[in-house]
Amino acid sequence: MANDIKKEYSNQEITVVWKPGKCIHAGICVKTLPNVYDPNGKPWIKPENASTEALIKQIDKCPSGALSYYRN
């Protein structure tokens, strides 16, 4: 089930959850926080490169809901 896949990336304060099956590749994440989201990087999400507040503001704007978070 490809739609059930989820990947998690943590900055110690929050964990960013990415569900690739829901992603519509709008690019808002990459445009908003290019130091965090690098489609060519491994891992492609590096939450330690932004503040928790900046991450939350960006994640809340994800149009597909592919990005979410929870507090650690």
PDB file of N, CA and C in Angstrom:
ATOM      1  N   MET A   1       0.828  -1.189   0.000  1.00  0.00           N
ATOM      2  CA  MET A   1       0.000   0.000   0.000  1.00  0.00           C
ATOM      3  C   MET A   1       0.873   1.254   0.000  1.00  0.00           C
ATOM      4  N   ALA A   2       1.114   1.801  -1.157  1.00  0.00           N
ATOM      5  CA  ALA A   2       1.963   2.985  -1.288  1.00  0.00           C
ATOM      6  C   ALA A   2       1.400   4.182  -0.540  1.00  0.00           C
ATOM      7  N   ASN A   3       0.090   4.294  -0.444  1.00  0.00           N
ATOM      8  CA  ASN A   3      -0.514   5.432   0.242  1.00  0.00           C
ATOM      9  C   ASN A   3      -0.356   5.350   1.751  1.00  0.00           C
ATOM     10  N   ASP A   4       0.035   4.206   2.274  1.00  0.00           N
ATOM     11  CA  ASP A   4       0.213   4.037   3.712  1.00  0.00           C
ATOM     12  C   ASP A   4       1.627   4.368   4.178  1.00  0.00           C
ATOM     13  N   ILE A   5       2.537   4.574   3.228  1.00  0.00           N
ATOM     14  CA  ILE A   5       3.923   4.857   3.585  1.00  0.00           C
ATOM     15  C   ILE A   5       4.026   6.223   4.245  1.00  0.00           C
ATOM     16  N   LYS A   6       4.809   6.303   5.308  1.00  0.00           N
ATOM     17  CA  LYS A   6       5.101   7.594   5.922  1.00  0.00           C
ATOM     18  C   LYS A   6       6.531   7.577   6.409  1.00  0.00           C
ATOM     19  N   LYS A   7       7.157   8.716   6.327  1.00  0.00           N
ATOM     20  CA  LYS A   7       8.534   8.876   6.782  1.00  0.00           C
ATOM     21  C   LYS A   7       8.563   9.994   7.799  1.00  0.00           C
ATOM     22  N   GLU A   8       9.431   9.843   8.795  1.00  0.00           N
ATOM     23  CA  GLU A   8       9.491  10.809   9.885  1.00  0.00           C
ATOM     24  C   GLU A   8      10.897  11.373  10.038  1.00  0.00           C
ATOM     25  N   TYR A   9      10.937  12.678  10.314  1.00  0.00           N
ATOM     26  CA  TYR A   9      12.198  13.408  10.464  1.00  0.00           C
ATOM     27  C   TYR A   9      12.057  14.321  11.672  1.00  0.00           C
ATOM     28  N   SER A  10      13.001  14.266  12.604  1.00  0.00           N
ATOM     29  CA  SER A  10      12.854  14.998  13.859  1.00  0.00           C
ATOM     30  C   SER A  10      13.944  16.046  14.049  1.00  0.00           C
ATOM     31  N   ASN A  11      13.550  17.145  14.724  1.00  0.00           N
ATOM     32  CA  ASN A  11      14.528  18.154  15.161  1.00  0.00           C
ATOM     33  C   ASN A  11      14.600  18.183  16.686  1.00  0.00           C
ATOM     34  N   GLN A  12      14.154  17.166  17.338  1.00  0.00           N
ATOM     35  CA  GLN A  12      14.086  16.994  18.784  1.00  0.00           C
ATOM     36  C   GLN A  12      12.824  17.608  19.394  1.00  0.00           C
ATOM     37  N   GLU A  13      12.349  18.752  18.884  1.00  0.00           N
ATOM     38  CA  GLU A  13      11.139  19.377  19.429  1.00  0.00           C
ATOM     39  C   GLU A  13       9.883  18.843  18.754  1.00  0.00           C
ATOM     40  N   ILE A  14       9.959  18.691  17.422  1.00  0.00           N
ATOM     41  CA  ILE A  14       8.826  18.133  16.682  1.00  0.00           C
ATOM     42  C   ILE A  14       9.345  17.075  15.714  1.00  0.00           C
ATOM     43  N   THR A  15       8.436  16.234  15.273  1.00  0.00           N
ATOM     44  CA  THR A  15       8.743  15.263  14.225  1.00  0.00           C
ATOM     45  C   THR A  15       7.880  15.600  13.024  1.00  0.00           C
ATOM     46  N   VAL A  16       8.540  15.805  11.891  1.00  0.00           N
ATOM     47  CA  VAL A  16       7.856  16.070  10.634  1.00  0.00           C
ATOM     48  C   VAL A  16       7.500  14.724  10.018  1.00  0.00           C
ATOM     49  N   VAL A  17       6.237  14.586   9.641  1.00  0.00           N
ATOM     50  CA  VAL A  17       5.753  13.351   9.023  1.00  0.00           C
ATOM     51  C   VAL A  17       5.444  13.655   7.568  1.00  0.00           C
ATOM     52  N   TRP A  18       6.011  12.853   6.662  1.00  0.00           N
ATOM     53  CA  TRP A  18       5.757  13.014   5.227  1.00  0.00           C
ATOM     54  C   TRP A  18       5.118  11.747   4.702  1.00  0.00           C
ATOM     55  N   LYS A  19       3.965  11.913   4.041  1.00  0.00           N
ATOM     56  CA  LYS A  19       3.254  10.798   3.411  1.00  0.00           C
ATOM     57  C   LYS A  19       3.368  10.971   1.896  1.00  0.00           C
ATOM     58  N   PRO A  20       4.349  10.283   1.276  1.00  0.00           N
ATOM     59  CA  PRO A  20       4.589  10.485  -0.153  1.00  0.00           C
ATOM     60  C   PRO A  20       3.387  10.169  -1.031  1.00  0.00           C
ATOM     61  N   GLY A  21       2.530   9.260  -0.613  1.00  0.00           N
ATOM     62  CA  GLY A  21       1.351   8.909  -1.406  1.00  0.00           C
ATOM     63  C   GLY A  21       0.334  10.035  -1.513  1.00  0.00           C
ATOM     64  N   LYS A  22       0.379  10.987  -0.577  1.00  0.00           N
ATOM     65  CA  LYS A  22      -0.536  12.135  -0.594  1.00  0.00           C
ATOM     66  C   LYS A  22       0.069  13.361  -1.269  1.00  0.00           C
ATOM     67  N   CYS A  23       1.387  13.350  -1.463  1.00  0.00           N
ATOM     68  CA  CYS A  23       2.099  14.526  -1.957  1.00  0.00           C
ATOM     69  C   CYS A  23       1.719  14.839  -3.408  1.00  0.00           C
ATOM     70  N   ILE A  24       1.367  16.108  -3.669  1.00  0.00           N
ATOM     71  CA  ILE A  24       1.040  16.540  -5.031  1.00  0.00           C
ATOM     72  C   ILE A  24       2.183  17.354  -5.634  1.00  0.00           C
ATOM     73  N   HIS A  25       3.303  17.424  -4.956  1.00  0.00           N
ATOM     74  CA  HIS A  25       4.514  18.102  -5.433  1.00  0.00           C
ATOM     75  C   HIS A  25       4.256  19.556  -5.820  1.00  0.00           C
ATOM     76  N   ALA A  26       3.489  20.243  -4.981  1.00  0.00           N
ATOM     77  CA  ALA A  26       3.208  21.661  -5.216  1.00  0.00           C
ATOM     78  C   ALA A  26       4.472  22.508  -5.064  1.00  0.00           C
ATOM     79  N   GLY A  27       5.417  22.038  -4.274  1.00  0.00           N
ATOM     80  CA  GLY A  27       6.689  22.732  -4.120  1.00  0.00           C
ATOM     81  C   GLY A  27       6.694  23.843  -3.092  1.00  0.00           C
ATOM     82  N   ILE A  28       5.596  24.031  -2.383  1.00  0.00           N
ATOM     83  CA  ILE A  28       5.534  25.098  -1.375  1.00  0.00           C
ATOM     84  C   ILE A  28       6.586  24.871  -0.289  1.00  0.00           C
ATOM     85  N   CYS A  29       6.791  23.636   0.080  1.00  0.00           N
ATOM     86  CA  CYS A  29       7.784  23.336   1.118  1.00  0.00           C
ATOM     87  C   CYS A  29       9.183  23.748   0.666  1.00  0.00           C
ATOM     88  N   VAL A  30       9.551  23.374  -0.549  1.00  0.00           N
ATOM     89  CA  VAL A  30      10.886  23.677  -1.064  1.00  0.00           C
ATOM     90  C   VAL A  30      11.074  25.182  -1.238  1.00  0.00           C
ATOM     91  N   LYS A  31      10.041  25.865  -1.724  1.00  0.00           N
ATOM     92  CA  LYS A  31      10.131  27.315  -1.937  1.00  0.00           C
ATOM     93  C   LYS A  31      10.197  28.068  -0.612  1.00  0.00           C
ATOM     94  N   THR A  32       9.465  27.588   0.379  1.00  0.00           N
ATOM     95  CA  THR A  32       9.399  28.277   1.670  1.00  0.00           C
ATOM     96  C   THR A  32      10.642  28.035   2.518  1.00  0.00           C
ATOM     97  N   LEU A  33      11.095  26.805   2.591  1.00  0.00           N
ATOM     98  CA  LEU A  33      12.244  26.451   3.433  1.00  0.00           C
ATOM     99  C   LEU A  33      13.236  25.590   2.640  1.00  0.00           C
ATOM    100  N   PRO A  34      13.950  26.205   1.696  1.00  0.00           N
ATOM    101  CA  PRO A  34      14.871  25.415   0.868  1.00  0.00           C
ATOM    102  C   PRO A  34      16.038  24.792   1.647  1.00  0.00           C
ATOM    103  N   ASN A  35      16.347  25.321   2.812  1.00  0.00           N
ATOM    104  CA  ASN A  35      17.405  24.722   3.633  1.00  0.00           C
ATOM    105  C   ASN A  35      16.942  23.452   4.335  1.00  0.00           C
ATOM    106  N   VAL A  36      15.620  23.267   4.408  1.00  0.00           N
ATOM    107  CA  VAL A  36      15.046  22.086   5.057  1.00  0.00           C
ATOM    108  C   VAL A  36      14.690  21.028   4.025  1.00  0.00           C
ATOM    109  N   TYR A  37      14.031  21.449   2.950  1.00  0.00           N
ATOM    110  CA  TYR A  37      13.517  20.523   1.944  1.00  0.00           C
ATOM    111  C   TYR A  37      14.387  20.564   0.693  1.00  0.00           C
ATOM    112  N   ASP A  38      15.110  19.484   0.452  1.00  0.00           N
ATOM    113  CA  ASP A  38      15.979  19.368  -0.722  1.00  0.00           C
ATOM    114  C   ASP A  38      15.624  18.062  -1.429  1.00  0.00           C
ATOM    115  N   PRO A  39      14.841  18.151  -2.521  1.00  0.00           N
ATOM    116  CA  PRO A  39      14.402  16.936  -3.210  1.00  0.00           C
ATOM    117  C   PRO A  39      15.542  16.035  -3.676  1.00  0.00           C
ATOM    118  N   ASN A  40      16.741  16.598  -3.831  1.00  0.00           N
ATOM    119  CA  ASN A  40      17.890  15.801  -4.274  1.00  0.00           C
ATOM    120  C   ASN A  40      18.755  15.326  -3.115  1.00  0.00           C
ATOM    121  N   GLY A  41      18.421  15.750  -1.892  1.00  0.00           N
ATOM    122  CA  GLY A  41      19.233  15.394  -0.731  1.00  0.00           C
ATOM    123  C   GLY A  41      18.835  14.058  -0.124  1.00  0.00           C
ATOM    124  N   LYS A  42      19.717  13.538   0.692  1.00  0.00           N
ATOM    125  CA  LYS A  42      19.460  12.315   1.449  1.00  0.00           C
ATOM    126  C   LYS A  42      19.838  12.587   2.895  1.00  0.00           C
ATOM    127  N   PRO A  43      18.932  12.650   3.824  1.00  0.00           N
ATOM    128  CA  PRO A  43      17.485  12.634   3.618  1.00  0.00           C
ATOM    129  C   PRO A  43      17.025  13.945   2.981  1.00  0.00           C
ATOM    130  N   TRP A  44      15.874  13.929   2.382  1.00  0.00           N
ATOM    131  CA  TRP A  44      15.427  15.134   1.675  1.00  0.00           C
ATOM    132  C   TRP A  44      14.818  16.164   2.619  1.00  0.00           C
ATOM    133  N   ILE A  45      14.440  15.758   3.830  1.00  0.00           N
ATOM    134  CA  ILE A  45      13.927  16.696   4.832  1.00  0.00           C
ATOM    135  C   ILE A  45      14.929  16.755   5.976  1.00  0.00           C
ATOM    136  N   LYS A  46      15.419  17.972   6.261  1.00  0.00           N
ATOM    137  CA  LYS A  46      16.363  18.190   7.360  1.00  0.00           C
ATOM    138  C   LYS A  46      15.780  19.244   8.300  1.00  0.00           C
ATOM    139  N   PRO A  47      14.897  18.819   9.215  1.00  0.00           N
ATOM    140  CA  PRO A  47      14.208  19.774  10.080  1.00  0.00           C
ATOM    141  C   PRO A  47      15.126  20.553  11.007  1.00  0.00           C
ATOM    142  N   GLU A  48      16.318  20.077  11.217  1.00  0.00           N
ATOM    143  CA  GLU A  48      17.256  20.791  12.082  1.00  0.00           C
ATOM    144  C   GLU A  48      17.740  22.093  11.449  1.00  0.00           C
ATOM    145  N   ASN A  49      17.426  22.316  10.178  1.00  0.00           N
ATOM    146  CA  ASN A  49      17.879  23.517   9.473  1.00  0.00           C
ATOM    147  C   ASN A  49      16.897  24.688   9.554  1.00  0.00           C
ATOM    148  N   ALA A  50      15.880  24.581  10.409  1.00  0.00           N
ATOM    149  CA  ALA A  50      14.929  25.683  10.611  1.00  0.00           C
ATOM    150  C   ALA A  50      14.401  25.621  12.036  1.00  0.00           C
ATOM    151  N   SER A  51      13.838  26.720  12.462  1.00  0.00           N
ATOM    152  CA  SER A  51      13.229  26.735  13.799  1.00  0.00           C
ATOM    153  C   SER A  51      11.943  25.915  13.784  1.00  0.00           C
ATOM    154  N   THR A  52      11.572  25.459  14.952  1.00  0.00           N
ATOM    155  CA  THR A  52      10.327  24.703  15.074  1.00  0.00           C
ATOM    156  C   THR A  52       9.152  25.550  14.610  1.00  0.00           C
ATOM    157  N   GLU A  53       9.155  26.841  14.961  1.00  0.00           N
ATOM    158  CA  GLU A  53       8.049  27.725  14.564  1.00  0.00           C
ATOM    159  C   GLU A  53       7.959  27.851  13.045  1.00  0.00           C
ATOM    160  N   ALA A  54       9.110  27.986  12.374  1.00  0.00           N
ATOM    161  CA  ALA A  54       9.124  28.091  10.908  1.00  0.00           C
ATOM    162  C   ALA A  54       8.627  26.800  10.280  1.00  0.00           C
ATOM    163  N   LEU A  55       9.013  25.666  10.825  1.00  0.00           N
ATOM    164  CA  LEU A  55       8.547  24.386  10.310  1.00  0.00           C
ATOM    165  C   LEU A  55       7.035  24.253  10.426  1.00  0.00           C
ATOM    166  N   ILE A  56       6.512  24.589  11.590  1.00  0.00           N
ATOM    167  CA  ILE A  56       5.066  24.477  11.809  1.00  0.00           C
ATOM    168  C   ILE A  56       4.295  25.380  10.851  1.00  0.00           C
ATOM    169  N   LYS A  57       4.750  26.614  10.685  1.00  0.00           N
ATOM    170  CA  LYS A  57       4.073  27.548   9.769  1.00  0.00           C
ATOM    171  C   LYS A  57       4.072  27.000   8.344  1.00  0.00           C
ATOM    172  N   GLN A  58       5.183  26.434   7.914  1.00  0.00           N
ATOM    173  CA  GLN A  58       5.270  25.886   6.563  1.00  0.00           C
ATOM    174  C   GLN A  58       4.410  24.641   6.423  1.00  0.00           C
ATOM    175  N   ILE A  59       4.476  23.727   7.369  1.00  0.00           N
ATOM    176  CA  ILE A  59       3.712  22.479   7.302  1.00  0.00           C
ATOM    177  C   ILE A  59       2.213  22.774   7.253  1.00  0.00           C
ATOM    178  N   ASP A  60       1.776  23.778   7.998  1.00  0.00           N
ATOM    179  CA  ASP A  60       0.356  24.141   8.001  1.00  0.00           C
ATOM    180  C   ASP A  60      -0.121  24.637   6.637  1.00  0.00           C
ATOM    181  N   LYS A  61       0.801  25.004   5.749  1.00  0.00           N
ATOM    182  CA  LYS A  61       0.443  25.493   4.419  1.00  0.00           C
ATOM    183  C   LYS A  61       0.494  24.401   3.344  1.00  0.00           C
ATOM    184  N   CYS A  62       0.838  23.196   3.711  1.00  0.00           N
ATOM    185  CA  CYS A  62       0.931  22.104   2.734  1.00  0.00           C
ATOM    186  C   CYS A  62      -0.461  21.832   2.153  1.00  0.00           C
ATOM    187  N   PRO A  63      -0.655  22.035   0.843  1.00  0.00           N
ATOM    188  CA  PRO A  63      -1.996  21.930   0.266  1.00  0.00           C
ATOM    189  C   PRO A  63      -2.567  20.513   0.224  1.00  0.00           C
ATOM    190  N   SER A  64      -1.718  19.508   0.209  1.00  0.00           N
ATOM    191  CA  SER A  64      -2.215  18.133   0.101  1.00  0.00           C
ATOM    192  C   SER A  64      -2.366  17.442   1.450  1.00  0.00           C
ATOM    193  N   GLY A  65      -1.751  18.008   2.480  1.00  0.00           N
ATOM    194  CA  GLY A  65      -1.744  17.345   3.776  1.00  0.00           C
ATOM    195  C   GLY A  65      -0.702  16.238   3.860  1.00  0.00           C
ATOM    196  N   ALA A  66       0.194  16.187   2.887  1.00  0.00           N
ATOM    197  CA  ALA A  66       1.251  15.163   2.898  1.00  0.00           C
ATOM    198  C   ALA A  66       2.246  15.411   4.021  1.00  0.00           C
ATOM    199  N   LEU A  67       2.379  16.660   4.434  1.00  0.00           N
ATOM    200  CA  LEU A  67       3.255  16.999   5.552  1.00  0.00           C
ATOM    201  C   LEU A  67       2.412  17.280   6.786  1.00  0.00           C
ATOM    202  N   SER A  68       2.818  16.706   7.888  1.00  0.00           N
ATOM    203  CA  SER A  68       2.189  16.982   9.185  1.00  0.00           C
ATOM    204  C   SER A  68       3.301  16.903  10.234  1.00  0.00           C
ATOM    205  N   TYR A  69       2.950  17.093  11.464  1.00  0.00           N
ATOM    206  CA  TYR A  69       3.955  17.028  12.528  1.00  0.00           C
ATOM    207  C   TYR A  69       3.302  16.647  13.833  1.00  0.00           C
ATOM    208  N   TYR A  70       4.116  16.214  14.753  1.00  0.00           N
ATOM    209  CA  TYR A  70       3.678  16.055  16.139  1.00  0.00           C
ATOM    210  C   TYR A  70       4.825  16.490  17.035  1.00  0.00           C
ATOM    211  N   ARG A  71       4.453  16.958  18.220  1.00  0.00           N
ATOM    212  CA  ARG A  71       5.457  17.417  19.181  1.00  0.00           C
ATOM    213  C   ARG A  71       6.041  16.206  19.908  1.00  0.00           C
ATOM    214  N   ASN A  72       7.340  16.251  20.099  1.00  0.00           N
ATOM    215  CA  ASN A  72       8.034  15.145  20.773  1.00  0.00           C
ATOM    216  C   ASN A  72       7.908  15.270  22.274  1.00  0.00           C
TER     217      ASN A  72
END
